[in-house]
Amino acid sequence: MLLNIVRLRYGEPPAFLDTTQVIAGYNFSRSFSGGYYGYPASAVSNYLFGSGTLSQAETPTITYQPLTGEQYAENVVRPISPTAIMPLSLGGMAIDTLLRLTAQSIDGLSNVRGVGPFGGGSVRFYLLLHDLRQLQLAGAMTVRISTDDPASSTPGKGSKQGGGIGQGNGGNSGDSGSAGSGEHIYLVLTTTADSNLQAIQGEVRRLLHLEPNTAEAEIVYGPYPKKQGQVAVLTRSMLAMLTQLSYEMEVPEQDVRSGRTLPTIGQVGIESRPEVAIHSGKNPPSESYVSVFYKKCWYWISDTDFRSKEAFTMVQVLSTLAATSHSGGAVVTIPAG
């Protein structure tokens, strides 16, 4: 995953592989030999001798298959559905990090995009994410999953709370962001007596163009909502997500001067650091969460940067969610006996 980000920064195509087979191979051996020699008037150390060996080896074989054709389009190029993304916040993932990685815009508020010294983006987009995170931490915001028709359902009736991540993958911009199973996802602002949280909820409603007393709004795919009471989220594909992360990574200055790559975005939103801080250097890192060597330079994520590690892990989870292949998956073969 990290190598793909680096390759995209230098204008090279990424490589996405699917694991098709895993064969576990291992062996364990031991041996011992010894003897006795007896000679008159010899030293005691010459009488006995012995030797022993112990060895263990593990040699697994993993078979990969490159993603091509329709599978590549589904898993890499097509945007991920908001119905698959938003339930991740129910498991404790930070909603601001989640949306910063996956959303290109929310109700017309634009996330950072492309290249350049600042990368664009609306300040109100990041203010919205900050407010949503504060509500999430305080338990004043959640998401609801329902299989009912939004036109005929009422909140809380016949719905599933907090389960069933959609299997459909949001490339269908014509739908309401619902998964193939007919699920609908709602942003819910829960009742609270805290005046500070009420003020934050009011700001969220204002930024999302919702009515002042709105308790929940359906999240749909698209740049703008089709009707009142909806929140439109224009999501990114895995390719777009990794490309954006590549524009924010650190690269050697001489590579920018020589024209091998473009300058790094200097400021992302209202913060001075990227969501995933990727460092570069000529020497291998001493403490890294993950590192790759690419064209005489090391690139890594620091093991002491928890925020970057969390976001990078989230990217890998999203990559798994983006996979729409219905194959049987990898075959694992383990020798026995």
C-alpha atoms as a PDB file:
ATOM      1  CA  MET A   1       0.000   0.000   0.000  1.00  0.00           C
ATOM      2  CA  LEU A   2       2.788   2.419   0.906  1.00  0.00           C
ATOM      3  CA  LEU A   3       4.724   1.550  -2.251  1.00  0.00           C
ATOM      4  CA  ASN A   4       1.645   2.321  -4.367  1.00  0.00           C
ATOM      5  CA  ILE A   5       1.387   5.753  -2.731  1.00  0.00           C
ATOM      6  CA  VAL A   6       5.053   6.470  -3.497  1.00  0.00           C
ATOM      7  CA  ARG A   7       4.743   5.235  -7.095  1.00  0.00           C
ATOM      8  CA  LEU A   8       1.704   7.454  -7.710  1.00  0.00           C
ATOM      9  CA  ARG A   9       3.644  10.491  -6.470  1.00  0.00           C
ATOM     10  CA  TYR A  10       6.267   9.854  -9.153  1.00  0.00           C
ATOM     11  CA  GLY A  11       3.742   9.322 -11.927  1.00  0.00           C
ATOM     12  CA  GLU A  12       4.017   5.546 -12.079  1.00  0.00           C
ATOM     13  CA  PRO A  13       1.044   3.186 -12.191  1.00  0.00           C
ATOM     14  CA  PRO A  14       0.168   1.402  -8.948  1.00  0.00           C
ATOM     15  CA  ALA A  15       0.028  -2.378  -8.739  1.00  0.00           C
ATOM     16  CA  PHE A  16      -2.911  -4.020  -6.972  1.00  0.00           C
ATOM     17  CA  LEU A  17      -2.643  -7.743  -6.264  1.00  0.00           C
ATOM     18  CA  ASP A  18      -5.153 -10.298  -5.041  1.00  0.00           C
ATOM     19  CA  THR A  19      -3.934 -13.202  -2.906  1.00  0.00           C
ATOM     20  CA  THR A  20      -5.165 -16.426  -4.499  1.00  0.00           C
ATOM     21  CA  GLN A  21      -3.232 -19.155  -2.649  1.00  0.00           C
ATOM     22  CA  VAL A  22      -1.162 -19.596   0.505  1.00  0.00           C
ATOM     23  CA  ILE A  23       0.851 -22.786   1.039  1.00  0.00           C
ATOM     24  CA  ALA A  24       2.474 -23.191   4.434  1.00  0.00           C
ATOM     25  CA  GLY A  25       5.745 -25.126   4.345  1.00  0.00           C
ATOM     26  CA  TYR A  26       7.843 -25.976   7.348  1.00  0.00           C
ATOM     27  CA  ASN A  27      10.340 -28.558   8.576  1.00  0.00           C
ATOM     28  CA  PHE A  28      11.935 -29.462  11.891  1.00  0.00           C
ATOM     29  CA  SER A  29      14.999 -31.679  12.276  1.00  0.00           C
ATOM     30  CA  ARG A  30      17.381 -32.686  15.041  1.00  0.00           C
ATOM     31  CA  SER A  31      20.344 -35.019  15.306  1.00  0.00           C
ATOM     32  CA  PHE A  32      22.925 -36.085  17.859  1.00  0.00           C
ATOM     33  CA  SER A  33      26.118 -38.080  17.618  1.00  0.00           C
ATOM     34  CA  GLY A  34      28.807 -39.040  20.081  1.00  0.00           C
ATOM     35  CA  GLY A  35      31.585 -41.500  20.824  1.00  0.00           C
ATOM     36  CA  TYR A  36      34.246 -42.683  23.238  1.00  0.00           C
ATOM     37  CA  TYR A  37      37.955 -43.177  22.832  1.00  0.00           C
ATOM     38  CA  GLY A  38      40.146 -44.694  25.479  1.00  0.00           C
ATOM     39  CA  TYR A  39      43.925 -44.523  25.362  1.00  0.00           C
ATOM     40  CA  PRO A  40      46.284 -45.188  28.238  1.00  0.00           C
ATOM     41  CA  ALA A  41      47.910 -42.105  29.646  1.00  0.00           C
ATOM     42  CA  SER A  42      45.685 -39.818  27.527  1.00  0.00           C
ATOM     43  CA  ALA A  43      44.022 -36.699  28.864  1.00  0.00           C
ATOM     44  CA  VAL A  44      40.449 -37.061  30.100  1.00  0.00           C
ATOM     45  CA  SER A  45      39.241 -34.592  27.460  1.00  0.00           C
ATOM     46  CA  ASN A  46      40.276 -37.037  24.749  1.00  0.00           C
ATOM     47  CA  TYR A  47      38.007 -39.838  26.028  1.00  0.00           C
ATOM     48  CA  LEU A  48      34.561 -38.439  25.136  1.00  0.00           C
ATOM     49  CA  PHE A  49      33.194 -36.412  22.259  1.00  0.00           C
ATOM     50  CA  GLY A  50      29.735 -35.513  21.004  1.00  0.00           C
ATOM     51  CA  SER A  51      27.819 -33.148  18.715  1.00  0.00           C
ATOM     52  CA  GLY A  52      24.205 -32.169  18.138  1.00  0.00           C
ATOM     53  CA  THR A  53      22.216 -30.111  15.632  1.00  0.00           C
ATOM     54  CA  LEU A  54      18.754 -28.603  15.734  1.00  0.00           C
ATOM     55  CA  SER A  55      17.127 -26.750  12.842  1.00  0.00           C
ATOM     56  CA  GLN A  56      13.717 -25.334  12.053  1.00  0.00           C
ATOM     57  CA  ALA A  57      12.602 -23.601   8.860  1.00  0.00           C
ATOM     58  CA  GLU A  58       9.372 -22.118   7.563  1.00  0.00           C
ATOM     59  CA  THR A  59       9.008 -21.505   3.829  1.00  0.00           C
ATOM     60  CA  PRO A  60       5.461 -20.443   2.898  1.00  0.00           C
ATOM     61  CA  THR A  61       4.494 -19.941  -0.738  1.00  0.00           C
ATOM     62  CA  ILE A  62       2.027 -17.129  -1.529  1.00  0.00           C
ATOM     63  CA  THR A  63       0.461 -16.745  -4.971  1.00  0.00           C
ATOM     64  CA  TYR A  64      -0.716 -13.299  -6.125  1.00  0.00           C
ATOM     65  CA  GLN A  65      -2.849 -12.362  -9.106  1.00  0.00           C
ATOM     66  CA  PRO A  66      -2.924  -8.794 -10.503  1.00  0.00           C
ATOM     67  CA  LEU A  67      -6.298  -7.043 -10.610  1.00  0.00           C
ATOM     68  CA  THR A  68      -7.342  -6.339 -14.204  1.00  0.00           C
ATOM     69  CA  GLY A  69     -10.380  -5.414 -16.262  1.00  0.00           C
ATOM     70  CA  GLU A  70     -13.743  -5.144 -14.561  1.00  0.00           C
ATOM     71  CA  GLN A  71     -12.336  -6.272 -11.216  1.00  0.00           C
ATOM     72  CA  TYR A  72      -9.789  -3.424 -11.329  1.00  0.00           C
ATOM     73  CA  ALA A  73     -12.525  -0.932 -12.175  1.00  0.00           C
ATOM     74  CA  GLU A  74     -14.743  -2.143  -9.323  1.00  0.00           C
ATOM     75  CA  ASN A  75     -12.050  -2.355  -6.636  1.00  0.00           C
ATOM     76  CA  VAL A  76      -9.796   0.567  -7.547  1.00  0.00           C
ATOM     77  CA  VAL A  77     -11.447   3.115  -9.843  1.00  0.00           C
ATOM     78  CA  ARG A  78     -15.088   3.196  -8.711  1.00  0.00           C
ATOM     79  CA  PRO A  79     -15.945   5.372  -5.662  1.00  0.00           C
ATOM     80  CA  ILE A  80     -16.734   3.586  -2.410  1.00  0.00           C
ATOM     81  CA  SER A  81     -20.354   3.912  -1.303  1.00  0.00           C
ATOM     82  CA  PRO A  82     -21.127   6.097   1.745  1.00  0.00           C
ATOM     83  CA  THR A  83     -23.227   3.141   2.933  1.00  0.00           C
ATOM     84  CA  ALA A  84     -20.029   1.119   3.273  1.00  0.00           C
ATOM     85  CA  ILE A  85     -17.943   3.957   4.715  1.00  0.00           C
ATOM     86  CA  MET A  86     -20.098   5.576   7.404  1.00  0.00           C
ATOM     87  CA  PRO A  87     -20.760   2.468   9.575  1.00  0.00           C
ATOM     88  CA  LEU A  88     -17.020   2.329  10.302  1.00  0.00           C
ATOM     89  CA  SER A  89     -17.570   5.213  12.722  1.00  0.00           C
ATOM     90  CA  LEU A  90     -19.772   2.894  14.792  1.00  0.00           C
ATOM     91  CA  GLY A  91     -16.712   0.778  15.522  1.00  0.00           C
ATOM     92  CA  GLY A  92     -14.839   3.708  17.021  1.00  0.00           C
ATOM     93  CA  MET A  93     -12.998   4.991  13.955  1.00  0.00           C
ATOM     94  CA  ALA A  94     -12.606   8.766  14.067  1.00  0.00           C
ATOM     95  CA  ILE A  95     -15.227  10.224  11.742  1.00  0.00           C
ATOM     96  CA  ASP A  96     -13.088  13.248  10.847  1.00  0.00           C
ATOM     97  CA  THR A  97     -10.218  11.025   9.694  1.00  0.00           C
ATOM     98  CA  LEU A  98     -12.626   8.726   7.886  1.00  0.00           C
ATOM     99  CA  LEU A  99     -14.283  11.542   5.924  1.00  0.00           C
ATOM    100  CA  ARG A 100     -11.041  13.371   5.296  1.00  0.00           C
ATOM    101  CA  LEU A 101      -9.712  10.252   3.581  1.00  0.00           C
ATOM    102  CA  THR A 102     -12.821   9.217   1.660  1.00  0.00           C
ATOM    103  CA  ALA A 103     -14.979  12.294   0.960  1.00  0.00           C
ATOM    104  CA  GLN A 104     -14.202  14.641  -1.896  1.00  0.00           C
ATOM    105  CA  SER A 105     -17.067  16.907  -0.857  1.00  0.00           C
ATOM    106  CA  ILE A 106     -19.945  17.006   1.634  1.00  0.00           C
ATOM    107  CA  ASP A 107     -22.993  19.012   0.643  1.00  0.00           C
ATOM    108  CA  GLY A 108     -20.858  21.113  -1.698  1.00  0.00           C
ATOM    109  CA  LEU A 109     -18.084  21.718   0.867  1.00  0.00           C
ATOM    110  CA  SER A 110     -14.887  20.590  -0.859  1.00  0.00           C
ATOM    111  CA  ASN A 111     -12.048  18.549   0.594  1.00  0.00           C
ATOM    112  CA  VAL A 112      -8.454  19.173  -0.484  1.00  0.00           C
ATOM    113  CA  ARG A 113      -7.773  17.958  -4.001  1.00  0.00           C
ATOM    114  CA  GLY A 114      -5.028  17.849  -6.587  1.00  0.00           C
ATOM    115  CA  VAL A 115      -1.624  19.436  -6.240  1.00  0.00           C
ATOM    116  CA  GLY A 116      -0.239  22.887  -5.622  1.00  0.00           C
ATOM    117  CA  PRO A 117       1.107  24.845  -2.669  1.00  0.00           C
ATOM    118  CA  PHE A 118      -2.180  24.618  -0.711  1.00  0.00           C
ATOM    119  CA  GLY A 119      -4.292  21.984  -2.471  1.00  0.00           C
ATOM    120  CA  GLY A 120      -7.571  23.913  -2.366  1.00  0.00           C
ATOM    121  CA  GLY A 121     -10.459  22.782  -0.250  1.00  0.00           C
ATOM    122  CA  SER A 122     -13.049  24.669   1.779  1.00  0.00           C
ATOM    123  CA  VAL A 123     -12.269  25.727   5.355  1.00  0.00           C
ATOM    124  CA  ARG A 124     -15.900  24.968   6.241  1.00  0.00           C
ATOM    125  CA  PHE A 125     -15.330  21.341   5.210  1.00  0.00           C
ATOM    126  CA  TYR A 126     -12.718  20.932   7.948  1.00  0.00           C
ATOM    127  CA  LEU A 127     -14.780  22.883  10.466  1.00  0.00           C
ATOM    128  CA  LEU A 128     -17.608  20.420   9.787  1.00  0.00           C
ATOM    129  CA  LEU A 129     -15.308  17.447  10.364  1.00  0.00           C
ATOM    130  CA  HIS A 130     -14.043  18.988  13.595  1.00  0.00           C
ATOM    131  CA  ASP A 131     -17.607  19.488  14.854  1.00  0.00           C
ATOM    132  CA  LEU A 132     -18.627  15.946  13.910  1.00  0.00           C
ATOM    133  CA  ARG A 133     -15.635  14.545  15.783  1.00  0.00           C
ATOM    134  CA  GLN A 134     -16.531  16.534  18.912  1.00  0.00           C
ATOM    135  CA  LEU A 135     -20.086  15.194  18.769  1.00  0.00           C
ATOM    136  CA  GLN A 136     -18.836  11.655  18.189  1.00  0.00           C
ATOM    137  CA  LEU A 137     -16.556  11.794  21.223  1.00  0.00           C
ATOM    138  CA  ALA A 138     -19.421  13.121  23.384  1.00  0.00           C
ATOM    139  CA  GLY A 139     -21.922  10.558  22.103  1.00  0.00           C
ATOM    140  CA  ALA A 140     -24.119  13.287  20.601  1.00  0.00           C
ATOM    141  CA  MET A 141     -23.847  11.958  17.046  1.00  0.00           C
ATOM    142  CA  THR A 142     -24.142   8.501  15.500  1.00  0.00           C
ATOM    143  CA  VAL A 143     -25.241   6.798  12.295  1.00  0.00           C
ATOM    144  CA  ARG A 144     -28.298   4.618  11.748  1.00  0.00           C
ATOM    145  CA  ILE A 145     -28.678   1.851   9.179  1.00  0.00           C
ATOM    146  CA  SER A 146     -32.117   1.010   7.849  1.00  0.00           C
ATOM    147  CA  THR A 147     -33.514  -1.324   5.206  1.00  0.00           C
ATOM    148  CA  ASP A 148     -36.789   0.602   4.980  1.00  0.00           C
ATOM    149  CA  ASP A 149     -37.801   2.882   2.132  1.00  0.00           C
ATOM    150  CA  PRO A 150     -36.976   6.432   3.349  1.00  0.00           C
ATOM    151  CA  ALA A 151     -40.263   7.702   1.916  1.00  0.00           C
ATOM    152  CA  SER A 152     -42.363   5.357   4.049  1.00  0.00           C
ATOM    153  CA  SER A 153     -40.233   4.636   7.119  1.00  0.00           C
ATOM    154  CA  THR A 154     -40.149   6.436  10.399  1.00  0.00           C
ATOM    155  CA  PRO A 155     -37.013   6.784  12.523  1.00  0.00           C
ATOM    156  CA  GLY A 156     -36.330   3.731  14.639  1.00  0.00           C
ATOM    157  CA  LYS A 157     -39.068   1.537  13.096  1.00  0.00           C
ATOM    158  CA  GLY A 158     -38.030  -1.652  11.379  1.00  0.00           C
ATOM    159  CA  SER A 159     -34.439  -0.522  11.176  1.00  0.00           C
ATOM    160  CA  LYS A 160     -31.155  -2.153  12.043  1.00  0.00           C
ATOM    161  CA  GLN A 161     -29.049  -0.268  14.517  1.00  0.00           C
ATOM    162  CA  GLY A 162     -25.326  -0.332  13.968  1.00  0.00           C
ATOM    163  CA  GLY A 163     -24.973  -3.379  11.761  1.00  0.00           C
ATOM    164  CA  GLY A 164     -24.807  -4.652   8.235  1.00  0.00           C
ATOM    165  CA  ILE A 165     -22.181  -2.787   6.293  1.00  0.00           C
ATOM    166  CA  GLY A 166     -23.345  -2.544   2.689  1.00  0.00           C
ATOM    167  CA  GLN A 167     -21.758  -4.854   0.207  1.00  0.00           C
ATOM    168  CA  GLY A 168     -22.500  -2.588  -2.738  1.00  0.00           C
ATOM    169  CA  ASN A 169     -19.680  -0.264  -3.668  1.00  0.00           C
ATOM    170  CA  GLY A 170     -20.778   3.212  -4.412  1.00  0.00           C
ATOM    171  CA  GLY A 171     -19.848   3.551  -7.841  1.00  0.00           C
ATOM    172  CA  ASN A 172     -23.528   3.956  -8.657  1.00  0.00           C
ATOM    173  CA  SER A 173     -23.899   7.695  -8.574  1.00  0.00           C
ATOM    174  CA  GLY A 174     -27.477   7.393  -9.690  1.00  0.00           C
ATOM    175  CA  ASP A 175     -28.667   5.699  -6.493  1.00  0.00           C
ATOM    176  CA  SER A 176     -29.156   7.212  -3.068  1.00  0.00           C
ATOM    177  CA  GLY A 177     -25.890   5.884  -1.780  1.00  0.00           C
ATOM    178  CA  SER A 178     -27.622   2.678  -0.748  1.00  0.00           C
ATOM    179  CA  ALA A 179     -25.957  -0.679  -0.983  1.00  0.00           C
ATOM    180  CA  GLY A 180     -27.032  -3.528  -3.164  1.00  0.00           C
ATOM    181  CA  SER A 181     -29.059  -4.928  -0.260  1.00  0.00           C
ATOM    182  CA  GLY A 182     -31.310  -1.825  -0.162  1.00  0.00           C
ATOM    183  CA  GLU A 183     -29.763  -0.326   2.949  1.00  0.00           C
ATOM    184  CA  HIS A 184     -29.932   3.372   3.758  1.00  0.00           C
ATOM    185  CA  ILE A 185     -27.628   5.248   6.091  1.00  0.00           C
ATOM    186  CA  TYR A 186     -28.608   8.207   8.287  1.00  0.00           C
ATOM    187  CA  LEU A 187     -26.642  10.809  10.217  1.00  0.00           C
ATOM    188  CA  VAL A 188     -28.309  11.100  13.634  1.00  0.00           C
ATOM    189  CA  LEU A 189     -27.859  14.038  16.014  1.00  0.00           C
ATOM    190  CA  THR A 190     -28.884  12.593  19.351  1.00  0.00           C
ATOM    191  CA  THR A 191     -30.695  14.553  22.037  1.00  0.00           C
ATOM    192  CA  THR A 192     -28.440  16.184  24.608  1.00  0.00           C
ATOM    193  CA  ALA A 193     -28.921  18.598  27.522  1.00  0.00           C
ATOM    194  CA  ASP A 194     -25.407  20.039  27.152  1.00  0.00           C
ATOM    195  CA  SER A 195     -25.727  23.568  25.776  1.00  0.00           C
ATOM    196  CA  ASN A 196     -22.248  23.436  24.238  1.00  0.00           C
ATOM    197  CA  LEU A 197     -23.072  20.246  22.337  1.00  0.00           C
ATOM    198  CA  GLN A 198     -26.402  21.733  21.263  1.00  0.00           C
ATOM    199  CA  ALA A 199     -24.510  24.700  19.801  1.00  0.00           C
ATOM    200  CA  ILE A 200     -22.181  22.361  17.903  1.00  0.00           C
ATOM    201  CA  GLN A 201     -25.159  20.407  16.580  1.00  0.00           C
ATOM    202  CA  GLY A 202     -26.681  23.679  15.416  1.00  0.00           C
ATOM    203  CA  GLU A 203     -23.478  24.546  13.567  1.00  0.00           C
ATOM    204  CA  VAL A 204     -23.477  21.116  11.897  1.00  0.00           C
ATOM    205  CA  ARG A 205     -27.073  21.651  10.750  1.00  0.00           C
ATOM    206  CA  ARG A 206     -26.132  25.066   9.350  1.00  0.00           C
ATOM    207  CA  LEU A 207     -23.113  23.734   7.439  1.00  0.00           C
ATOM    208  CA  LEU A 208     -25.192  20.873   6.031  1.00  0.00           C
ATOM    209  CA  HIS A 209     -28.154  23.148   5.142  1.00  0.00           C
ATOM    210  CA  LEU A 210     -30.536  21.223   7.405  1.00  0.00           C
ATOM    211  CA  GLU A 211     -33.602  22.545   9.192  1.00  0.00           C
ATOM    212  CA  PRO A 212     -32.891  23.833  12.750  1.00  0.00           C
ATOM    213  CA  ASN A 213     -34.735  20.954  14.461  1.00  0.00           C
ATOM    214  CA  THR A 214     -33.549  18.136  12.188  1.00  0.00           C
ATOM    215  CA  ALA A 215     -32.704  15.037  14.243  1.00  0.00           C
ATOM    216  CA  GLU A 216     -31.449  12.862  11.391  1.00  0.00           C
ATOM    217  CA  ALA A 217     -30.694  13.122   7.688  1.00  0.00           C
ATOM    218  CA  GLU A 218     -30.187  10.447   5.045  1.00  0.00           C
ATOM    219  CA  ILE A 219     -26.660  10.276   3.611  1.00  0.00           C
ATOM    220  CA  VAL A 220     -26.679   9.889  -0.172  1.00  0.00           C
ATOM    221  CA  TYR A 221     -23.992   9.689  -2.832  1.00  0.00           C
ATOM    222  CA  GLY A 222     -23.420  12.772  -4.978  1.00  0.00           C
ATOM    223  CA  PRO A 223     -22.157  16.351  -5.023  1.00  0.00           C
ATOM    224  CA  TYR A 224     -25.461  17.871  -3.836  1.00  0.00           C
ATOM    225  CA  PRO A 225     -28.596  16.493  -2.132  1.00  0.00           C
ATOM    226  CA  LYS A 226     -31.614  15.783  -4.324  1.00  0.00           C
ATOM    227  CA  LYS A 227     -34.131  16.874  -1.695  1.00  0.00           C
ATOM    228  CA  GLN A 228     -34.381  18.540   1.691  1.00  0.00           C
ATOM    229  CA  GLY A 229     -33.269  16.419   4.643  1.00  0.00           C
ATOM    230  CA  GLN A 230     -30.442  14.672   2.793  1.00  0.00           C
ATOM    231  CA  VAL A 231     -26.673  15.011   3.154  1.00  0.00           C
ATOM    232  CA  ALA A 232     -24.784  14.438  -0.095  1.00  0.00           C
ATOM    233  CA  VAL A 233     -21.316  12.875   0.172  1.00  0.00           C
ATOM    234  CA  LEU A 234     -19.211  12.658  -2.985  1.00  0.00           C
ATOM    235  CA  THR A 235     -16.811   9.845  -2.131  1.00  0.00           C
ATOM    236  CA  ARG A 236     -13.427   8.942  -3.551  1.00  0.00           C
ATOM    237  CA  SER A 237     -12.216   5.748  -5.131  1.00  0.00           C
ATOM    238  CA  MET A 238      -9.215   3.872  -3.730  1.00  0.00           C
ATOM    239  CA  LEU A 239      -7.107   5.262  -6.586  1.00  0.00           C
ATOM    240  CA  ALA A 240      -8.158   8.842  -5.822  1.00  0.00           C
ATOM    241  CA  MET A 241      -7.580   8.314  -2.106  1.00  0.00           C
ATOM    242  CA  LEU A 242      -4.040   7.003  -2.574  1.00  0.00           C
ATOM    243  CA  THR A 243      -3.247   9.692  -5.148  1.00  0.00           C
ATOM    244  CA  GLN A 244      -4.261  12.423  -2.717  1.00  0.00           C
ATOM    245  CA  LEU A 245      -2.125  10.893   0.040  1.00  0.00           C
ATOM    246  CA  SER A 246       0.823  10.822  -2.384  1.00  0.00           C
ATOM    247  CA  TYR A 247       0.528  14.590  -2.998  1.00  0.00           C
ATOM    248  CA  GLU A 248       0.837  15.184   0.743  1.00  0.00           C
ATOM    249  CA  MET A 249       3.892  12.972   1.394  1.00  0.00           C
ATOM    250  CA  GLU A 250       7.436  14.176   1.932  1.00  0.00           C
ATOM    251  CA  VAL A 251       9.857  13.763  -0.996  1.00  0.00           C
ATOM    252  CA  PRO A 252      13.523  14.733  -1.510  1.00  0.00           C
ATOM    253  CA  GLU A 253      13.855  18.372  -2.553  1.00  0.00           C
ATOM    254  CA  GLN A 254      16.159  17.480  -5.445  1.00  0.00           C
ATOM    255  CA  ASP A 255      13.386  15.345  -6.970  1.00  0.00           C
ATOM    256  CA  VAL A 256      11.128  18.416  -7.090  1.00  0.00           C
ATOM    257  CA  ARG A 257      13.878  20.641  -8.519  1.00  0.00           C
ATOM    258  CA  SER A 258      14.754  18.103 -11.208  1.00  0.00           C
ATOM    259  CA  GLY A 259      11.124  17.750 -12.278  1.00  0.00           C
ATOM    260  CA  ARG A 260      10.734  14.092 -11.246  1.00  0.00           C
ATOM    261  CA  THR A 261       7.723  14.990  -9.147  1.00  0.00           C
ATOM    262  CA  LEU A 262       5.572  17.970  -8.144  1.00  0.00           C
ATOM    263  CA  PRO A 263       5.898  19.983  -4.915  1.00  0.00           C
ATOM    264  CA  THR A 264       4.218  18.700  -1.775  1.00  0.00           C
ATOM    265  CA  ILE A 265       0.992  20.375  -0.664  1.00  0.00           C
ATOM    266  CA  GLY A 266       2.070  22.806   2.038  1.00  0.00           C
ATOM    267  CA  GLN A 267      -1.162  23.034   4.013  1.00  0.00           C
ATOM    268  CA  VAL A 268      -4.060  20.601   4.220  1.00  0.00           C
ATOM    269  CA  GLY A 269      -7.327  22.198   5.270  1.00  0.00           C
ATOM    270  CA  ILE A 270      -7.020  24.126   8.549  1.00  0.00           C
ATOM    271  CA  GLU A 271      -4.099  21.958   9.706  1.00  0.00           C
ATOM    272  CA  SER A 272      -0.397  22.028   8.914  1.00  0.00           C
ATOM    273  CA  ARG A 273       0.092  18.263   8.556  1.00  0.00           C
ATOM    274  CA  PRO A 274      -1.309  15.520   6.328  1.00  0.00           C
ATOM    275  CA  GLU A 275      -3.547  12.774   7.648  1.00  0.00           C
ATOM    276  CA  VAL A 276      -0.823  10.192   6.918  1.00  0.00           C
ATOM    277  CA  ALA A 277       2.646  11.685   7.439  1.00  0.00           C
ATOM    278  CA  ILE A 278       5.065   9.845   5.123  1.00  0.00           C
ATOM    279  CA  HIS A 279       8.745  10.739   5.565  1.00  0.00           C
ATOM    280  CA  SER A 280      11.679  10.249   3.203  1.00  0.00           C
ATOM    281  CA  GLY A 281      15.425   9.926   3.590  1.00  0.00           C
ATOM    282  CA  LYS A 282      18.563   8.280   2.244  1.00  0.00           C
ATOM    283  CA  ASN A 283      19.098   6.136   5.334  1.00  0.00           C
ATOM    284  CA  PRO A 284      16.712   3.423   6.571  1.00  0.00           C
ATOM    285  CA  PRO A 285      14.511   4.544   9.478  1.00  0.00           C
ATOM    286  CA  SER A 286      15.324   3.283  12.966  1.00  0.00           C
ATOM    287  CA  GLU A 287      11.695   3.123  14.145  1.00  0.00           C
ATOM    288  CA  SER A 288       9.077   2.691  11.453  1.00  0.00           C
ATOM    289  CA  TYR A 289       5.545   1.346  11.358  1.00  0.00           C
ATOM    290  CA  VAL A 290       6.001   0.502   7.674  1.00  0.00           C
ATOM    291  CA  SER A 291       8.769   1.402   5.212  1.00  0.00           C
ATOM    292  CA  VAL A 292       9.695   0.857   1.560  1.00  0.00           C
ATOM    293  CA  PHE A 293      12.831   1.433  -0.483  1.00  0.00           C
ATOM    294  CA  TYR A 294      12.177   3.115  -3.821  1.00  0.00           C
ATOM    295  CA  LYS A 295      14.809   4.413  -6.261  1.00  0.00           C
ATOM    296  CA  LYS A 296      17.666   4.939  -3.803  1.00  0.00           C
ATOM    297  CA  CYS A 297      15.455   6.497  -1.118  1.00  0.00           C
ATOM    298  CA  TRP A 298      13.551   5.250   1.925  1.00  0.00           C
ATOM    299  CA  TYR A 299       9.940   6.199   2.623  1.00  0.00           C
ATOM    300  CA  TRP A 300       8.276   5.392   5.934  1.00  0.00           C
ATOM    301  CA  ILE A 301       5.587   6.077   8.501  1.00  0.00           C
ATOM    302  CA  SER A 302       6.992   6.620  11.979  1.00  0.00           C
ATOM    303  CA  ASP A 303       6.105   4.058  14.626  1.00  0.00           C
ATOM    304  CA  THR A 304       5.688   6.905  17.149  1.00  0.00           C
ATOM    305  CA  ASP A 305       3.087   8.712  15.004  1.00  0.00           C
ATOM    306  CA  PHE A 306      -0.139   7.098  16.198  1.00  0.00           C
ATOM    307  CA  ARG A 307      -2.391   9.369  14.152  1.00  0.00           C
ATOM    308  CA  SER A 308      -0.679   8.402  10.895  1.00  0.00           C
ATOM    309  CA  LYS A 309      -0.707   4.728  11.834  1.00  0.00           C
ATOM    310  CA  GLU A 310      -4.425   4.872  12.605  1.00  0.00           C
ATOM    311  CA  ALA A 311      -5.205   6.589   9.303  1.00  0.00           C
ATOM    312  CA  PHE A 312      -3.019   4.192   7.303  1.00  0.00           C
ATOM    313  CA  THR A 313      -4.748   1.229   8.938  1.00  0.00           C
ATOM    314  CA  MET A 314      -8.069   2.827   8.003  1.00  0.00           C
ATOM    315  CA  VAL A 315      -6.921   3.016   4.366  1.00  0.00           C
ATOM    316  CA  GLN A 316      -6.223  -0.729   4.400  1.00  0.00           C
ATOM    317  CA  VAL A 317      -9.666  -1.426   5.893  1.00  0.00           C
ATOM    318  CA  LEU A 318     -11.248   0.719   3.184  1.00  0.00           C
ATOM    319  CA  SER A 319      -9.299  -1.179   0.545  1.00  0.00           C
ATOM    320  CA  THR A 320     -10.878  -4.393   1.800  1.00  0.00           C
ATOM    321  CA  LEU A 321     -14.332  -2.797   1.754  1.00  0.00           C
ATOM    322  CA  ALA A 322     -13.784  -1.615  -1.817  1.00  0.00           C
ATOM    323  CA  ALA A 323     -13.235  -5.194  -3.018  1.00  0.00           C
ATOM    324  CA  THR A 324     -16.340  -6.451  -4.798  1.00  0.00           C
ATOM    325  CA  SER A 325     -15.003  -9.764  -6.069  1.00  0.00           C
ATOM    326  CA  HIS A 326     -17.259 -12.706  -5.212  1.00  0.00           C
ATOM    327  CA  SER A 327     -14.551 -15.329  -5.673  1.00  0.00           C
ATOM    328  CA  GLY A 328     -13.893 -17.922  -3.008  1.00  0.00           C
ATOM    329  CA  GLY A 329     -10.833 -16.047  -1.777  1.00  0.00           C
ATOM    330  CA  ALA A 330      -7.374 -17.396  -1.068  1.00  0.00           C
ATOM    331  CA  VAL A 331      -6.861 -21.150  -0.658  1.00  0.00           C
ATOM    332  CA  VAL A 332      -4.700 -21.951   2.370  1.00  0.00           C
ATOM    333  CA  THR A 333      -2.840 -25.286   2.244  1.00  0.00           C
ATOM    334  CA  ILE A 334      -1.150 -26.563   5.430  1.00  0.00           C
ATOM    335  CA  PRO A 335       0.902 -29.770   5.308  1.00  0.00           C
ATOM    336  CA  ALA A 336       0.075 -32.332   7.984  1.00  0.00           C
ATOM    337  CA  GLY A 337       1.811 -35.435   9.230  1.00  0.00           C
END
